[in-house]
Amino acid sequence: MTQEKSSKGLKIWVYGRVQGVGFRYSTQVKARALSLRGYARNLDDGSVEVLACGDTAQINELVAWLNAGGPHSARVDKMLTEPWHSQEEEPHDFTTG
């Protein structure tokens, strides 16, 4: 019997001082270190949208890091999360956009 890894996706919206402070790049570095796939991109309202796909434990670790404030120069005031259900193929890497 083979053990399957728990793989899923989570969309995260991060609010606060998260644009212009290296937030997306730092999130990309952290996500890649956790072997996650997805993206971090700026939204017009000043927030950052993050898609994290991969192992549940690694996603939870990224969420905890984001919730703790992410990179030193950022300030996270609020986060919203939602399971990612898409018919699209999962990303193959973690990118910024």
Protein backbone atom coordinates (compact mmCIF):
# COMPACT_ATOMS: atom_id res chain seq x y z
CA MET A 1 0.00 0.00 0.00
CA THR A 2 1.40 3.39 -0.96
CA GLN A 3 1.03 6.50 1.15
CA GLU A 4 -0.27 9.49 -0.83
CA LYS A 5 0.92 12.96 0.07
CA SER A 6 -1.78 15.46 0.90
CA SER A 7 -1.64 17.99 -1.91
CA LYS A 8 -3.91 20.99 -2.23
CA GLY A 9 -4.02 24.65 -3.02
CA LEU A 10 -4.81 27.73 -0.98
CA LYS A 11 -5.46 31.32 -2.08
CA ILE A 12 -4.30 33.93 0.41
CA TRP A 13 -4.96 37.66 0.34
CA VAL A 14 -2.54 39.65 2.47
CA TYR A 15 -3.31 43.23 3.56
CA GLY A 16 -1.06 45.80 5.22
CA ARG A 17 2.28 47.26 4.13
CA VAL A 18 2.94 44.52 1.59
CA GLN A 19 3.73 46.36 -1.64
CA GLY A 20 7.06 48.02 -2.37
CA VAL A 21 8.83 46.24 0.52
CA GLY A 22 10.10 43.04 -1.16
CA PHE A 23 7.07 41.06 -0.01
CA ARG A 24 6.46 39.12 -3.24
CA TYR A 25 10.14 38.24 -3.67
CA SER A 26 10.49 37.11 -0.04
CA THR A 27 7.30 35.07 -0.35
CA GLN A 28 8.67 33.44 -3.49
CA VAL A 29 11.95 32.53 -1.73
CA LYS A 30 10.06 31.08 1.27
CA ALA A 31 7.58 29.17 -0.93
CA ARG A 32 10.33 27.68 -3.10
CA ALA A 33 12.24 26.61 0.03
CA LEU A 34 9.05 24.78 1.07
CA SER A 35 8.72 23.19 -2.41
CA LEU A 36 5.45 25.00 -3.07
CA ARG A 37 4.14 26.09 -6.45
CA GLY A 38 1.99 29.12 -7.24
CA TYR A 39 2.49 32.86 -7.28
CA ALA A 40 2.51 36.13 -5.35
CA ARG A 41 1.14 39.16 -7.17
CA ASN A 42 0.21 42.73 -6.30
CA LEU A 43 -3.44 43.74 -6.53
CA ASP A 44 -4.76 47.21 -7.31
CA ASP A 45 -6.15 47.66 -3.77
CA GLY A 46 -2.62 47.49 -2.26
CA SER A 47 -2.87 43.88 -1.13
CA VAL A 48 -0.93 40.84 -2.34
CA GLU A 49 -2.62 37.69 -3.63
CA VAL A 50 -0.76 34.44 -3.01
CA LEU A 51 -1.56 31.04 -4.49
CA ALA A 52 0.21 28.17 -2.74
CA CYS A 53 -0.06 24.63 -4.09
CA GLY A 54 1.61 21.58 -2.61
CA ASP A 55 1.77 19.59 0.58
CA THR A 56 -0.64 20.70 3.30
CA ALA A 57 2.05 20.94 5.98
CA GLN A 58 4.22 23.20 3.78
CA ILE A 59 1.23 25.40 2.89
CA ASN A 60 0.47 25.75 6.60
CA GLU A 61 4.08 26.74 7.24
CA LEU A 62 3.90 29.44 4.56
CA VAL A 63 0.62 30.73 6.01
CA ALA A 64 2.18 30.92 9.48
CA TRP A 65 5.17 32.83 8.06
CA LEU A 66 2.87 35.26 6.23
CA ASN A 67 0.69 35.69 9.32
CA ALA A 68 3.80 36.48 11.38
CA GLY A 69 4.49 39.40 9.02
CA GLY A 70 6.49 37.90 6.17
CA PRO A 71 9.70 39.79 5.42
CA HIS A 72 11.11 42.17 8.03
CA SER A 73 10.20 45.31 6.07
CA ALA A 74 6.51 44.36 5.69
CA ARG A 75 3.56 44.68 8.03
CA VAL A 76 0.63 42.28 7.76
CA ASP A 77 -2.62 43.67 9.14
CA LYS A 78 -5.04 41.05 7.85
CA MET A 79 -5.13 37.83 5.85
CA LEU A 80 -7.99 36.06 4.15
CA THR A 81 -7.74 32.49 2.87
CA GLU A 82 -9.85 30.30 0.66
CA PRO A 83 -9.29 26.78 -0.70
CA TRP A 84 -8.20 26.86 -4.33
CA HIS A 85 -10.42 24.78 -6.55
CA SER A 86 -9.62 25.20 -10.19
CA GLN A 87 -9.92 23.14 -13.31
CA GLU A 88 -6.65 24.72 -14.41
CA GLU A 89 -3.43 22.78 -14.11
CA GLU A 90 -1.41 23.51 -10.98
CA PRO A 91 1.57 25.82 -11.52
CA HIS A 92 4.94 24.11 -11.95
CA ASP A 93 6.95 26.75 -10.05
CA PHE A 94 6.42 29.70 -7.71
CA THR A 95 6.48 33.04 -9.53
CA THR A 96 5.89 36.70 -8.86
CA GLY A 97 3.79 38.88 -11.09
